[in-house]
Protein backbone atom coordinates (compact mmCIF):
# COMPACT_ATOMS: atom_id res chain seq x y z
CA UNK A 1 -10.80 20.76 14.25
CA UNK A 2 -10.58 16.59 14.42
CA UNK A 3 -14.13 14.18 15.50
CA UNK A 4 -15.39 13.09 18.64
CA UNK A 5 -13.46 10.77 20.40
CA UNK A 6 -9.95 11.79 19.22
CA UNK A 7 -7.70 14.08 18.67
CA UNK A 8 -4.13 14.76 16.00
CA UNK A 9 -0.58 16.12 16.65
CA UNK A 10 0.83 16.02 13.46
CA UNK A 11 3.81 15.75 11.86
CA UNK A 12 5.33 19.22 10.73
CA UNK A 13 7.15 17.22 8.37
CA UNK A 14 4.27 15.36 7.11
CA UNK A 15 3.11 15.76 3.74
CA UNK A 16 -0.68 14.26 4.01
CA UNK A 17 -3.82 15.86 4.24
CA UNK A 18 -5.17 16.39 7.44
CA UNK A 19 -8.35 15.36 7.09
CA UNK A 20 -7.12 11.26 6.58
CA UNK A 21 -5.64 12.32 9.93
CA UNK A 22 -9.22 12.75 11.09
CA UNK A 23 -10.18 10.20 10.01
CA UNK A 24 -7.76 7.83 11.56
CA UNK A 25 -8.40 9.80 15.17
CA UNK A 26 -12.42 9.33 14.03
CA UNK A 27 -11.78 5.93 13.98
CA UNK A 28 -10.01 4.45 16.82
CA UNK A 29 -11.38 6.90 19.53
CA UNK A 30 -8.24 7.89 20.89
CA UNK A 31 -5.68 10.81 20.53
CA UNK A 32 -3.23 9.95 18.48
CA UNK A 33 0.45 11.28 17.99
CA UNK A 34 2.55 11.25 14.32
CA UNK A 35 5.67 10.71 14.28
CA UNK A 36 8.74 9.63 11.63
CA UNK A 37 9.15 7.98 8.89
CA UNK A 38 8.88 3.90 9.24
CA UNK A 39 11.85 1.60 7.10
CA UNK A 40 11.13 -0.31 4.79
CA UNK A 41 9.09 -0.69 1.94
CA UNK A 42 9.84 0.54 -1.72
CA UNK A 43 6.50 2.83 -3.27
CA UNK A 44 4.90 4.73 -0.10
CA UNK A 45 6.36 4.35 3.31
CA UNK A 46 4.69 4.08 6.13
CA UNK A 47 4.59 6.64 9.20
CA UNK A 48 4.86 5.40 13.27
CA UNK A 49 1.68 6.73 15.46
CA UNK A 50 1.37 6.54 19.12
CA UNK A 51 -2.16 5.82 20.61
CA UNK A 52 -2.62 7.54 23.49
CA UNK A 53 -3.18 4.69 26.38
CA UNK A 54 -2.76 1.73 23.34
CA UNK A 55 1.04 1.79 22.02
CA UNK A 56 2.44 2.63 18.39
CA UNK A 57 0.81 1.94 15.48
CA UNK A 58 1.55 1.73 11.55
CA UNK A 59 -0.63 4.35 9.10
CA UNK A 60 -0.07 4.29 5.28
CA UNK A 61 -2.42 5.95 3.17
CA UNK A 62 -2.09 5.84 -0.36
CA UNK A 63 -3.88 8.73 -2.90
CA UNK A 64 -7.14 7.89 -4.03
CA UNK A 65 -7.09 7.26 -7.71
CA UNK A 66 -9.75 4.20 -8.59
CA UNK A 67 -13.20 4.15 -7.67
CA UNK A 68 -13.28 0.74 -6.22
CA UNK A 69 -9.75 0.97 -3.51
CA UNK A 70 -11.82 1.40 -0.79
CA UNK A 71 -13.01 -2.34 -1.28
CA UNK A 72 -9.58 -2.86 -2.76
CA UNK A 73 -8.11 -2.09 0.69
CA UNK A 74 -11.27 -3.28 3.31
CA UNK A 75 -10.53 -7.14 1.20
CA UNK A 76 -6.96 -6.74 2.23
CA UNK A 77 -8.60 -6.46 5.87
CA UNK A 78 -10.53 -9.29 6.28
CA UNK A 79 -7.60 -11.73 4.40
CA UNK A 80 -5.61 -9.98 7.41
CA UNK A 81 -8.23 -11.37 10.11
CA UNK A 82 -8.67 -14.91 8.75
CA UNK A 83 -5.13 -15.28 7.93
CA UNK A 84 -4.25 -14.16 11.46
CA UNK A 85 -6.82 -16.48 13.19
CA UNK A 86 -4.65 -19.08 11.32
CA UNK A 87 -1.81 -18.21 12.76
CA UNK A 88 -0.11 -15.80 9.59
CA UNK A 89 1.83 -13.29 11.69
CA UNK A 90 1.13 -10.23 9.63
CA UNK A 91 -0.13 -7.46 12.08
CA UNK A 92 -3.15 -7.22 13.05
CA UNK A 93 -4.71 -3.69 11.26
CA UNK A 94 -6.99 -1.28 14.10
CA UNK A 95 -9.01 0.37 10.88
CA UNK A 96 -9.70 1.24 7.66
CA UNK A 97 -11.22 4.30 5.80
CA UNK A 98 -10.87 6.40 3.08
CA UNK A 99 -10.91 10.41 2.78
CA UNK A 100 -12.42 12.17 -1.01
CA UNK A 101 -8.41 12.44 -1.67
CA UNK A 102 -6.91 9.54 0.29
CA UNK A 103 -7.47 5.81 1.43
CA UNK A 104 -5.99 4.80 4.87
CA UNK A 105 -5.47 1.95 6.93
CA UNK A 106 -3.78 1.26 10.57
CA UNK A 107 -2.28 -1.46 12.03
CA UNK A 108 -0.25 -2.74 14.83
CA UNK A 109 3.31 -2.09 14.96
CA UNK A 110 5.54 -5.16 14.93
CA UNK A 111 8.99 -4.06 17.08
CA UNK A 112 11.29 -5.75 14.55
CA UNK A 113 13.67 -4.31 11.47
CA UNK A 114 13.29 -5.10 7.65
CA UNK A 115 14.87 -8.18 6.33
CA UNK A 116 18.37 -6.49 4.97
CA UNK A 117 20.14 -9.31 3.52
CA UNK A 118 18.48 -13.27 2.81
CA UNK A 119 19.76 -15.87 4.90
CA UNK A 120 18.82 -19.56 4.33
CA UNK A 121 17.37 -19.15 7.89
CA UNK A 122 15.29 -16.57 6.44
CA UNK A 123 14.39 -18.31 3.37
CA UNK A 124 13.66 -21.17 5.21
CA UNK A 125 11.25 -20.25 7.76
CA UNK A 126 9.09 -17.75 5.19
CA UNK A 127 8.70 -20.97 2.89
CA UNK A 128 7.66 -22.93 6.31
CA UNK A 129 4.86 -19.29 6.37
CA UNK A 130 3.68 -19.97 2.55
CA UNK A 131 3.09 -23.38 3.81
CA UNK A 132 0.20 -21.67 6.22
CA UNK A 133 -1.60 -20.19 2.87
CA UNK A 134 -2.36 -23.32 1.51
CA UNK A 135 -5.91 -23.89 0.96
CA UNK A 136 -6.95 -20.46 2.75
CA UNK A 137 -8.33 -18.51 -0.79
CA UNK A 138 -11.15 -17.01 0.35
CA UNK A 139 -11.53 -13.46 -1.35
CA UNK A 140 -11.65 -14.04 -5.29
CA UNK A 141 -8.61 -11.54 -6.78
CA UNK A 142 -7.52 -14.25 -8.64
CA UNK A 143 -3.64 -14.11 -8.70
CA UNK A 144 -2.90 -17.13 -10.76
CA UNK A 145 -5.14 -15.61 -13.90
CA UNK A 146 -3.38 -12.28 -13.47
CA UNK A 147 -0.29 -14.56 -14.17
CA UNK A 148 -1.60 -16.13 -17.35
CA UNK A 149 -2.68 -12.44 -18.53
CA UNK A 150 0.84 -11.13 -18.56
CA UNK A 151 2.16 -14.67 -19.51
CA UNK A 152 -0.27 -14.50 -22.34
CA UNK A 153 1.09 -11.31 -23.20
CA UNK A 154 -2.67 -9.86 -22.84
CA UNK A 155 -1.42 -7.33 -19.90
CA UNK A 156 -1.07 -3.84 -21.67
CA UNK A 157 1.64 -2.82 -19.26
CA UNK A 158 4.87 -5.65 -20.38
CA UNK A 159 2.51 -5.95 -23.98
CA UNK A 160 5.28 -3.97 -25.71
CA UNK A 161 8.62 -5.39 -24.01
CA UNK A 162 8.68 -7.57 -27.01
CA UNK A 163 9.38 -4.83 -29.04
CA UNK A 164 11.74 -3.06 -26.96
CA UNK A 165 14.26 -1.33 -29.16
CA UNK A 166 17.22 -3.04 -26.61
CA UNK A 167 18.33 -6.13 -25.13
CA UNK A 168 15.30 -6.49 -23.27
CA UNK A 169 13.36 -7.84 -26.06
CA UNK A 170 15.85 -10.13 -26.63
CA UNK A 171 15.62 -11.22 -23.52
CA UNK A 172 11.53 -12.23 -24.15
CA UNK A 173 12.69 -13.54 -27.43
CA UNK A 174 13.76 -16.11 -23.96
CA UNK A 175 10.97 -16.68 -22.35
CA UNK A 176 8.52 -19.74 -22.63
CA UNK A 177 5.82 -17.39 -23.79
CA UNK A 178 2.00 -19.43 -24.18
CA UNK A 179 -0.24 -18.82 -26.94
CA UNK A 180 -3.13 -17.07 -25.59
CA UNK A 181 -5.89 -20.13 -26.45
CA UNK A 182 -3.79 -22.50 -24.66
CA UNK A 183 -5.64 -24.13 -21.31
CA UNK A 184 -3.09 -22.17 -18.16
CA UNK A 185 -1.52 -24.80 -16.14
CA UNK A 186 -1.69 -23.15 -12.97
CA UNK A 187 -4.08 -25.34 -10.79
CA UNK A 188 -7.37 -23.90 -9.77
CA UNK A 189 -7.16 -20.62 -7.47
CA UNK A 190 -6.99 -22.11 -3.90
CA UNK A 191 -4.79 -20.58 -1.70
CA UNK A 192 -4.09 -17.03 -0.47
CA UNK A 193 -1.41 -15.47 -1.96
CA UNK A 194 0.51 -12.61 -0.61
CA UNK A 195 1.49 -11.86 -3.65
CA UNK A 196 4.86 -9.30 -2.40
CA UNK A 197 6.78 -11.37 -1.10
CA UNK A 198 10.03 -9.66 -1.19
CA UNK A 199 12.75 -9.13 2.16
CA UNK A 200 11.16 -5.20 2.67
CA UNK A 201 8.30 -6.83 3.67
CA UNK A 202 9.50 -9.31 5.45
CA UNK A 203 10.73 -8.81 9.57
CA UNK A 204 13.28 -10.16 11.54
CA UNK A 205 14.28 -9.90 14.89
CA UNK A 206 17.97 -11.62 16.26
CA UNK A 207 16.95 -13.51 12.86
CA UNK A 208 13.92 -15.52 13.48
CA UNK A 209 10.98 -14.51 11.56
CA UNK A 210 8.23 -12.33 13.19
CA UNK A 211 5.79 -10.72 10.68
CA UNK A 212 5.13 -11.10 6.90
CA UNK A 213 3.87 -8.05 5.64
CA UNK A 214 2.22 -5.06 3.00
CA UNK A 215 0.40 -7.08 2.66
CA UNK A 216 -2.77 -4.79 0.83
CA UNK A 217 -3.03 -7.05 -2.88
CA UNK A 218 -3.07 -10.37 -1.27
CA UNK A 219 -6.03 -12.37 -3.25
CA UNK A 220 -5.98 -15.66 -4.23
CA UNK A 221 -4.10 -18.53 -6.69
CA UNK A 222 -1.68 -21.07 -6.12
CA UNK A 223 1.48 -20.52 -3.22
CA UNK A 224 4.16 -21.00 -5.56
CA UNK A 225 3.50 -17.46 -6.91
CA UNK A 226 5.13 -16.47 -3.58
CA UNK A 227 7.72 -18.87 -4.05
CA UNK A 228 9.01 -17.52 -7.21
CA UNK A 229 8.82 -14.20 -6.29
CA UNK A 230 10.84 -15.03 -3.14
CA UNK A 231 13.45 -16.91 -5.20
CA UNK A 232 13.85 -14.12 -7.61
CA UNK A 233 16.09 -12.45 -4.22
CA UNK A 234 17.12 -15.46 -4.19
CA UNK A 235 20.95 -15.12 -6.25
CA UNK A 236 23.97 -15.33 -4.04
CA UNK A 237 26.45 -18.16 -3.77
CA UNK A 238 25.18 -18.26 -0.06
CA UNK A 239 21.52 -19.33 -1.13
CA UNK A 240 22.51 -21.54 -3.98
CA UNK A 241 21.22 -25.23 -1.53
CA UNK A 242 17.90 -22.89 -1.05
CA UNK A 243 16.93 -21.97 -4.40
CA UNK A 244 17.11 -24.98 -5.36
CA UNK A 245 14.71 -25.73 -2.72
CA UNK A 246 12.79 -23.67 -4.08
CA UNK A 247 12.77 -24.14 -7.47
CA UNK A 248 11.80 -27.95 -6.23
CA UNK A 249 8.56 -26.76 -4.10
CA UNK A 250 7.31 -24.84 -7.39
CA UNK A 251 7.79 -27.38 -9.07
CA UNK A 252 6.04 -30.17 -6.91
CA UNK A 253 3.13 -27.50 -6.56
CA UNK A 254 2.73 -26.83 -10.85
CA UNK A 255 4.51 -28.14 -12.27
CA UNK A 256 7.37 -27.30 -15.11
CA UNK A 257 4.60 -24.77 -17.69
CA UNK A 258 2.89 -24.06 -14.48
CA UNK A 259 7.18 -22.96 -13.40
CA UNK A 260 7.59 -21.52 -16.45
CA UNK A 261 4.65 -19.30 -16.49
CA UNK A 262 4.92 -18.39 -13.44
CA UNK A 263 9.25 -17.01 -13.76
CA UNK A 264 7.81 -15.32 -16.62
CA UNK A 265 5.16 -13.21 -15.19
CA UNK A 266 8.42 -12.45 -12.75
CA UNK A 267 10.32 -11.07 -14.94
CA UNK A 268 8.66 -8.90 -17.33
CA UNK A 269 7.01 -7.17 -14.69
CA UNK A 270 10.13 -6.78 -12.58
CA UNK A 271 11.67 -5.98 -16.23
CA UNK A 272 8.36 -3.09 -16.30
CA UNK A 273 9.04 -1.26 -13.71
CA UNK A 274 12.89 0.18 -14.02
CA UNK A 275 12.07 1.13 -17.66
CA UNK A 276 8.90 2.93 -17.01
CA UNK A 277 10.57 4.79 -14.00
CA UNK A 278 14.59 5.09 -15.90
CA UNK A 279 15.76 3.61 -13.82
CA UNK A 280 18.92 1.78 -15.99
CA UNK A 281 21.21 0.14 -13.43
CA UNK A 282 18.32 -1.76 -11.43
CA UNK A 283 17.17 -2.87 -15.23
CA UNK A 284 20.55 -3.96 -15.33
CA UNK A 285 20.35 -6.21 -12.67
CA UNK A 286 16.65 -7.36 -14.00
CA UNK A 287 18.09 -9.04 -16.79
CA UNK A 288 20.92 -10.15 -15.14
CA UNK A 289 18.17 -11.90 -13.04
CA UNK A 290 16.21 -12.99 -15.68
CA UNK A 291 18.78 -14.37 -17.70
CA UNK A 292 19.67 -16.63 -15.15
CA UNK A 293 16.11 -17.46 -13.85
CA UNK A 294 15.58 -18.99 -17.64
CA UNK A 295 18.93 -20.66 -17.99
CA UNK A 296 17.32 -22.79 -14.89
CA UNK A 297 13.74 -23.10 -16.10
CA UNK A 298 15.62 -25.00 -19.78
CA UNK A 299 17.90 -27.41 -17.31
CA UNK A 300 15.14 -28.27 -14.84
CA UNK A 301 12.59 -29.11 -18.31
C-alpha cells in the first residue's frame, strides 16, 4: 500500500521494485501512473510517469550499490538547480529519493527527441551551451583531477590497457601519456562539467537543442572536457568544419598539453567499456576514432 500523499499505478512490464514506486508517490504527493520506457540513453533508461494534475515526468532509478550514492544524486540535483537559474537547458528535477535497494530521481519530461545524427548547427548550439558552464563550478567533484588520474595511468579500470594483447596496446603506445609525478596542465576546476555530452543526452525539436539530460555525473573541472566528449562524435565528413572549431576552442581553453590529457582520457575510457562488455564492433570503431584523434593531435602540436 503506498504511503499517504500519493498513489502508484504500475505497468505490469516494469521491473522496478514496488517500494521505489511507492517512494516516488510519497515524494510528489500525487497519483503517479507509470508508462513505457523512453528512447535515448545507453544505461538504465528512463520511464514516463504521469502525475495527476501535473503532467508527465521522467523517472530514473538505479540499483543502490555504494553508501554515497544518494549523496551523489543530491549533488547532481543541486547542480541542476544552480545551472537552470543561469539559463542552462536541463530539465528541472522534481524529486530525489532512495530505498533500501535503489536511488531514484524524477524530472520534467521534455517534448523532444534525442539527437539521431549530429549536424553542424546542433554542434554549434552545443558549443554555445557549454559556454554557459564557464566559471559555474559549485561542487567539489573534480573531473579534471580524474582525467589527470586516467592519463597518468593511475585509474585502475584503464591501467591494464597498455599490456592488452591486441591492437589496443599498439594504440595505447601512441598516446601522449605523461609521468604520474608531472604537474597537471589542466586549469583550476572552475567550470561546471556535464561529463557525458554525447548525442543520446541531447534533445532536439525542429533542429533546435531544447535540453541536455543525464546530468547525474556532473561536477567541476574545465568545460573543455565536454567539448572533447562532443568531439568524439564528430568524425563524419559533414562535421569536419565544426570538428576543427572544437579543436580550436579546446586548445584556447587548455592548451595542447591539456587537450592531450583530455583526449587521452576520452580514448582510454572509450576503449575500456567495449573490452569489458565484449563488444568487438564497438571496440573496432573506438580504435579507428582513437587513431584519428592521435593523428590530429600530432598535427596540432
